[in-house]
Amino acid sequence: MREPGEGGVALTAAVDLPADSKIFVPSWDDVPGEVTRRARPGDVVVTMGAPPISLMGDELLAALAG
């Protein structure tokens, strides 16, 4: 049986990007803050995972809009 977050850690590791270009944020509540802290103009932000990650889009847009 997998531990909580184990799949997300594995998915992040499997993404073919340099380590400083990707992060895994285990807490849903921390995602908008991490994205707004790290994202720069022109960046592409991708969320991956099982549902309900598709619901994160509205929260991210609101956080980025300030």
PDB file of N, CA and C in Angstrom:
ATOM      1  N   MET A   1       0.848  -1.177   0.000  1.00  0.00           N
ATOM      2  CA  MET A   1       0.000   0.000   0.000  1.00  0.00           C
ATOM      3  C   MET A   1       0.894   1.241   0.000  1.00  0.00           C
ATOM      4  N   ARG A   2       0.517   2.231  -0.792  1.00  0.00           N
ATOM      5  CA  ARG A   2       1.280   3.477  -0.872  1.00  0.00           C
ATOM      6  C   ARG A   2       0.954   4.402   0.284  1.00  0.00           C
ATOM      7  N   GLU A   3       1.961   5.154   0.666  1.00  0.00           N
ATOM      8  CA  GLU A   3       1.774   6.201   1.663  1.00  0.00           C
ATOM      9  C   GLU A   3       1.156   7.419   0.989  1.00  0.00           C
ATOM     10  N   PRO A   4       0.419   8.258   1.716  1.00  0.00           N
ATOM     11  CA  PRO A   4      -0.125   9.479   1.121  1.00  0.00           C
ATOM     12  C   PRO A   4       0.988  10.337   0.529  1.00  0.00           C
ATOM     13  N   GLY A   5       0.779  10.798  -0.696  1.00  0.00           N
ATOM     14  CA  GLY A   5       1.762  11.633  -1.368  1.00  0.00           C
ATOM     15  C   GLY A   5       2.813  10.881  -2.155  1.00  0.00           C
ATOM     16  N   GLU A   6       2.920   9.573  -1.935  1.00  0.00           N
ATOM     17  CA  GLU A   6       3.950   8.784  -2.604  1.00  0.00           C
ATOM     18  C   GLU A   6       3.792   8.823  -4.115  1.00  0.00           C
ATOM     19  N   GLY A   7       2.554   8.750  -4.601  1.00  0.00           N
ATOM     20  CA  GLY A   7       2.320   8.807  -6.046  1.00  0.00           C
ATOM     21  C   GLY A   7       2.710  10.156  -6.625  1.00  0.00           C
ATOM     22  N   GLY A   8       2.446  11.230  -5.893  1.00  0.00           N
ATOM     23  CA  GLY A   8       2.814  12.562  -6.347  1.00  0.00           C
ATOM     24  C   GLY A   8       4.316  12.753  -6.418  1.00  0.00           C
ATOM     25  N   VAL A   9       5.023  12.205  -5.460  1.00  0.00           N
ATOM     26  CA  VAL A   9       6.486  12.279  -5.457  1.00  0.00           C
ATOM     27  C   VAL A   9       7.022  11.522  -6.671  1.00  0.00           C
ATOM     28  N   ALA A  10       6.484  10.341  -6.942  1.00  0.00           N
ATOM     29  CA  ALA A  10       6.925   9.546  -8.091  1.00  0.00           C
ATOM     30  C   ALA A  10       6.604  10.250  -9.397  1.00  0.00           C
ATOM     31  N   LEU A  11       5.432  10.842  -9.507  1.00  0.00           N
ATOM     32  CA  LEU A  11       5.046  11.562 -10.715  1.00  0.00           C
ATOM     33  C   LEU A  11       5.974  12.750 -10.952  1.00  0.00           C
ATOM     34  N   THR A  12       6.266  13.498  -9.917  1.00  0.00           N
ATOM     35  CA  THR A  12       7.170  14.640 -10.040  1.00  0.00           C
ATOM     36  C   THR A  12       8.554  14.193 -10.490  1.00  0.00           C
ATOM     37  N   ALA A  13       9.044  13.115  -9.924  1.00  0.00           N
ATOM     38  CA  ALA A  13      10.361  12.592 -10.300  1.00  0.00           C
ATOM     39  C   ALA A  13      10.393  12.139 -11.757  1.00  0.00           C
ATOM     40  N   ALA A  14       9.270  11.638 -12.260  1.00  0.00           N
ATOM     41  CA  ALA A  14       9.212  11.118 -13.626  1.00  0.00           C
ATOM     42  C   ALA A  14       9.143  12.213 -14.687  1.00  0.00           C
ATOM     43  N   VAL A  15       8.778  13.424 -14.312  1.00  0.00           N
ATOM     44  CA  VAL A  15       8.701  14.525 -15.273  1.00  0.00           C
ATOM     45  C   VAL A  15      10.117  14.865 -15.724  1.00  0.00           C
ATOM     46  N   ASP A  16      10.320  14.880 -17.045  1.00  0.00           N
ATOM     47  CA  ASP A  16      11.644  15.069 -17.626  1.00  0.00           C
ATOM     48  C   ASP A  16      12.011  16.553 -17.705  1.00  0.00           C
ATOM     49  N   LEU A  17      12.238  17.136 -16.538  1.00  0.00           N
ATOM     50  CA  LEU A  17      12.660  18.531 -16.410  1.00  0.00           C
ATOM     51  C   LEU A  17      13.727  18.599 -15.323  1.00  0.00           C
ATOM     52  N   PRO A  18      14.559  19.638 -15.338  1.00  0.00           N
ATOM     53  CA  PRO A  18      15.526  19.796 -14.250  1.00  0.00           C
ATOM     54  C   PRO A  18      14.804  19.914 -12.901  1.00  0.00           C
ATOM     55  N   ALA A  19      15.450  19.463 -11.868  1.00  0.00           N
ATOM     56  CA  ALA A  19      14.843  19.448 -10.538  1.00  0.00           C
ATOM     57  C   ALA A  19      14.364  20.825 -10.096  1.00  0.00           C
ATOM     58  N   ASP A  20      15.070  21.888 -10.501  1.00  0.00           N
ATOM     59  CA  ASP A  20      14.651  23.224 -10.071  1.00  0.00           C
ATOM     60  C   ASP A  20      13.503  23.785 -10.898  1.00  0.00           C
ATOM     61  N   SER A  21      12.991  22.993 -11.854  1.00  0.00           N
ATOM     62  CA  SER A  21      11.870  23.415 -12.698  1.00  0.00           C
ATOM     63  C   SER A  21      10.563  22.723 -12.336  1.00  0.00           C
ATOM     64  N   LYS A  22      10.580  21.926 -11.281  1.00  0.00           N
ATOM     65  CA  LYS A  22       9.374  21.196 -10.893  1.00  0.00           C
ATOM     66  C   LYS A  22       9.356  21.044  -9.379  1.00  0.00           C
ATOM     67  N   ILE A  23       8.154  20.992  -8.831  1.00  0.00           N
ATOM     68  CA  ILE A  23       8.005  20.793  -7.392  1.00  0.00           C
ATOM     69  C   ILE A  23       6.797  19.904  -7.127  1.00  0.00           C
ATOM     70  N   PHE A  24       6.829  19.251  -6.002  1.00  0.00           N
ATOM     71  CA  PHE A  24       5.671  18.527  -5.484  1.00  0.00           C
ATOM     72  C   PHE A  24       5.250  19.228  -4.211  1.00  0.00           C
ATOM     73  N   VAL A  25       4.000  19.629  -4.151  1.00  0.00           N
ATOM     74  CA  VAL A  25       3.451  20.283  -2.961  1.00  0.00           C
ATOM     75  C   VAL A  25       2.407  19.339  -2.376  1.00  0.00           C
ATOM     76  N   PRO A  26       2.687  18.723  -1.241  1.00  0.00           N
ATOM     77  CA  PRO A  26       1.781  17.707  -0.708  1.00  0.00           C
ATOM     78  C   PRO A  26       0.475  18.235  -0.138  1.00  0.00           C
ATOM     79  N   SER A  27       0.443  19.493   0.257  1.00  0.00           N
ATOM     80  CA  SER A  27      -0.763  20.037   0.872  1.00  0.00           C
ATOM     81  C   SER A  27      -1.545  20.885  -0.129  1.00  0.00           C
ATOM     82  N   TRP A  28      -2.802  20.524  -0.350  1.00  0.00           N
ATOM     83  CA  TRP A  28      -3.675  21.263  -1.263  1.00  0.00           C
ATOM     84  C   TRP A  28      -3.676  22.758  -0.938  1.00  0.00           C
ATOM     85  N   ASP A  29      -3.780  23.068   0.332  1.00  0.00           N
ATOM     86  CA  ASP A  29      -3.867  24.464   0.769  1.00  0.00           C
ATOM     87  C   ASP A  29      -2.595  25.261   0.461  1.00  0.00           C
ATOM     88  N   ASP A  30      -1.471  24.583   0.317  1.00  0.00           N
ATOM     89  CA  ASP A  30      -0.198  25.258   0.067  1.00  0.00           C
ATOM     90  C   ASP A  30       0.072  25.503  -1.413  1.00  0.00           C
ATOM     91  N   VAL A  31      -0.662  24.856  -2.310  1.00  0.00           N
ATOM     92  CA  VAL A  31      -0.377  24.955  -3.744  1.00  0.00           C
ATOM     93  C   VAL A  31      -0.488  26.394  -4.274  1.00  0.00           C
ATOM     94  N   PRO A  32      -1.587  27.115  -4.052  1.00  0.00           N
ATOM     95  CA  PRO A  32      -1.665  28.469  -4.609  1.00  0.00           C
ATOM     96  C   PRO A  32      -0.519  29.377  -4.148  1.00  0.00           C
ATOM     97  N   GLY A  33      -0.158  29.308  -2.893  1.00  0.00           N
ATOM     98  CA  GLY A  33       0.941  30.122  -2.381  1.00  0.00           C
ATOM     99  C   GLY A  33       2.277  29.759  -3.013  1.00  0.00           C
ATOM    100  N   GLU A  34       2.536  28.464  -3.179  1.00  0.00           N
ATOM    101  CA  GLU A  34       3.780  28.025  -3.808  1.00  0.00           C
ATOM    102  C   GLU A  34       3.844  28.481  -5.265  1.00  0.00           C
ATOM    103  N   VAL A  35       2.736  28.371  -5.964  1.00  0.00           N
ATOM    104  CA  VAL A  35       2.728  28.779  -7.376  1.00  0.00           C
ATOM    105  C   VAL A  35       2.924  30.285  -7.496  1.00  0.00           C
ATOM    106  N   THR A  36       2.228  31.060  -6.693  1.00  0.00           N
ATOM    107  CA  THR A  36       2.384  32.513  -6.799  1.00  0.00           C
ATOM    108  C   THR A  36       3.780  32.953  -6.369  1.00  0.00           C
ATOM    109  N   ARG A  37       4.398  32.238  -5.466  1.00  0.00           N
ATOM    110  CA  ARG A  37       5.749  32.577  -5.023  1.00  0.00           C
ATOM    111  C   ARG A  37       6.786  32.248  -6.094  1.00  0.00           C
ATOM    112  N   ARG A  38       6.573  31.169  -6.840  1.00  0.00           N
ATOM    113  CA  ARG A  38       7.583  30.681  -7.782  1.00  0.00           C
ATOM    114  C   ARG A  38       7.359  31.108  -9.229  1.00  0.00           C
ATOM    115  N   ALA A  39       6.118  31.252  -9.640  1.00  0.00           N
ATOM    116  CA  ALA A  39       5.827  31.516 -11.056  1.00  0.00           C
ATOM    117  C   ALA A  39       6.279  32.920 -11.452  1.00  0.00           C
ATOM    118  N   ARG A  40       6.782  33.019 -12.665  1.00  0.00           N
ATOM    119  CA  ARG A  40       7.226  34.287 -13.238  1.00  0.00           C
ATOM    120  C   ARG A  40       6.482  34.511 -14.549  1.00  0.00           C
ATOM    121  N   PRO A  41       6.394  35.748 -15.004  1.00  0.00           N
ATOM    122  CA  PRO A  41       5.729  36.001 -16.290  1.00  0.00           C
ATOM    123  C   PRO A  41       6.323  35.110 -17.390  1.00  0.00           C
ATOM    124  N   GLY A  42       5.435  34.496 -18.151  1.00  0.00           N
ATOM    125  CA  GLY A  42       5.852  33.603 -19.228  1.00  0.00           C
ATOM    126  C   GLY A  42       5.959  32.146 -18.832  1.00  0.00           C
ATOM    127  N   ASP A  43       5.917  31.846 -17.537  1.00  0.00           N
ATOM    128  CA  ASP A  43       5.975  30.452 -17.082  1.00  0.00           C
ATOM    129  C   ASP A  43       4.693  29.715 -17.460  1.00  0.00           C
ATOM    130  N   VAL A  44       4.818  28.429 -17.636  1.00  0.00           N
ATOM    131  CA  VAL A  44       3.669  27.546 -17.835  1.00  0.00           C
ATOM    132  C   VAL A  44       3.534  26.724 -16.563  1.00  0.00           C
ATOM    133  N   VAL A  45       2.361  26.758 -15.962  1.00  0.00           N
ATOM    134  CA  VAL A  45       2.092  26.008 -14.736  1.00  0.00           C
ATOM    135  C   VAL A  45       1.219  24.822 -15.102  1.00  0.00           C
ATOM    136  N   VAL A  46       1.690  23.637 -14.760  1.00  0.00           N
ATOM    137  CA  VAL A  46       0.959  22.398 -15.055  1.00  0.00           C
ATOM    138  C   VAL A  46       0.641  21.713 -13.733  1.00  0.00           C
ATOM    139  N   THR A  47      -0.618  21.335 -13.558  1.00  0.00           N
ATOM    140  CA  THR A  47      -0.998  20.525 -12.406  1.00  0.00           C
ATOM    141  C   THR A  47      -1.313  19.132 -12.919  1.00  0.00           C
ATOM    142  N   MET A  48      -0.782  18.125 -12.236  1.00  0.00           N
ATOM    143  CA  MET A  48      -1.021  16.734 -12.625  1.00  0.00           C
ATOM    144  C   MET A  48      -1.441  15.947 -11.399  1.00  0.00           C
ATOM    145  N   GLY A  49      -2.295  15.008 -11.620  1.00  0.00           N
ATOM    146  CA  GLY A  49      -2.693  14.136 -10.533  1.00  0.00           C
ATOM    147  C   GLY A  49      -4.105  13.636 -10.732  1.00  0.00           C
ATOM    148  N   ALA A  50      -4.527  12.881  -9.782  1.00  0.00           N
ATOM    149  CA  ALA A  50      -5.870  12.332  -9.813  1.00  0.00           C
ATOM    150  C   ALA A  50      -6.869  13.423  -9.433  1.00  0.00           C
ATOM    151  N   PRO A  51      -8.116  13.223  -9.833  1.00  0.00           N
ATOM    152  CA  PRO A  51      -9.134  14.162  -9.369  1.00  0.00           C
ATOM    153  C   PRO A  51      -9.060  14.243  -7.850  1.00  0.00           C
ATOM    154  N   PRO A  52      -9.230  15.358  -7.300  1.00  0.00           N
ATOM    155  CA  PRO A  52      -9.862  16.570  -7.791  1.00  0.00           C
ATOM    156  C   PRO A  52      -8.874  17.661  -8.218  1.00  0.00           C
ATOM    157  N   ILE A  53      -7.669  17.313  -8.689  1.00  0.00           N
ATOM    158  CA  ILE A  53      -6.686  18.335  -9.050  1.00  0.00           C
ATOM    159  C   ILE A  53      -7.234  19.289 -10.103  1.00  0.00           C
ATOM    160  N   SER A  54      -8.184  18.852 -10.910  1.00  0.00           N
ATOM    161  CA  SER A  54      -8.767  19.738 -11.924  1.00  0.00           C
ATOM    162  C   SER A  54      -9.485  20.930 -11.282  1.00  0.00           C
ATOM    163  N   LEU A  55      -9.862  20.804 -10.027  1.00  0.00           N
ATOM    164  CA  LEU A  55     -10.512  21.913  -9.321  1.00  0.00           C
ATOM    165  C   LEU A  55      -9.517  22.985  -8.886  1.00  0.00           C
ATOM    166  N   MET A  56      -8.238  22.682  -8.938  1.00  0.00           N
ATOM    167  CA  MET A  56      -7.212  23.624  -8.484  1.00  0.00           C
ATOM    168  C   MET A  56      -7.089  24.819  -9.419  1.00  0.00           C
ATOM    169  N   GLY A  57      -7.458  24.690 -10.682  1.00  0.00           N
ATOM    170  CA  GLY A  57      -7.295  25.765 -11.655  1.00  0.00           C
ATOM    171  C   GLY A  57      -7.899  27.086 -11.214  1.00  0.00           C
ATOM    172  N   ASP A  58      -9.129  27.061 -10.741  1.00  0.00           N
ATOM    173  CA  ASP A  58      -9.782  28.298 -10.299  1.00  0.00           C
ATOM    174  C   ASP A  58      -9.045  28.931  -9.119  1.00  0.00           C
ATOM    175  N   GLU A  59      -8.577  28.103  -8.190  1.00  0.00           N
ATOM    176  CA  GLU A  59      -7.831  28.630  -7.037  1.00  0.00           C
ATOM    177  C   GLU A  59      -6.509  29.255  -7.481  1.00  0.00           C
ATOM    178  N   LEU A  60      -5.831  28.614  -8.435  1.00  0.00           N
ATOM    179  CA  LEU A  60      -4.567  29.159  -8.928  1.00  0.00           C
ATOM    180  C   LEU A  60      -4.779  30.480  -9.653  1.00  0.00           C
ATOM    181  N   LEU A  61      -5.777  30.537 -10.496  1.00  0.00           N
ATOM    182  CA  LEU A  61      -6.053  31.786 -11.217  1.00  0.00           C
ATOM    183  C   LEU A  61      -6.381  32.920 -10.252  1.00  0.00           C
ATOM    184  N   ALA A  62      -7.166  32.621  -9.233  1.00  0.00           N
ATOM    185  CA  ALA A  62      -7.504  33.650  -8.241  1.00  0.00           C
ATOM    186  C   ALA A  62      -6.260  34.108  -7.486  1.00  0.00           C
ATOM    187  N   ALA A  63      -5.398  33.177  -7.116  1.00  0.00           N
ATOM    188  CA  ALA A  63      -4.184  33.526  -6.387  1.00  0.00           C
ATOM    189  C   ALA A  63      -3.240  34.350  -7.264  1.00  0.00           C
ATOM    190  N   LEU A  64      -3.098  33.980  -8.524  1.00  0.00           N
ATOM    191  CA  LEU A  64      -2.212  34.710  -9.426  1.00  0.00           C
ATOM    192  C   LEU A  64      -2.752  36.096  -9.774  1.00  0.00           C
ATOM    193  N   ALA A  65      -4.068  36.230  -9.769  1.00  0.00           N
ATOM    194  CA  ALA A  65      -4.677  37.528 -10.061  1.00  0.00           C
ATOM    195  C   ALA A  65      -4.484  38.508  -8.900  1.00  0.00           C
ATOM    196  N   GLY A  66      -4.193  37.940  -7.730  1.00  0.00           N
ATOM    197  CA  GLY A  66      -3.940  38.769  -6.554  1.00  0.00           C
ATOM    198  C   GLY A  66      -5.192  39.135  -5.879  1.00  0.00           C
TER     199      GLY A  66
END
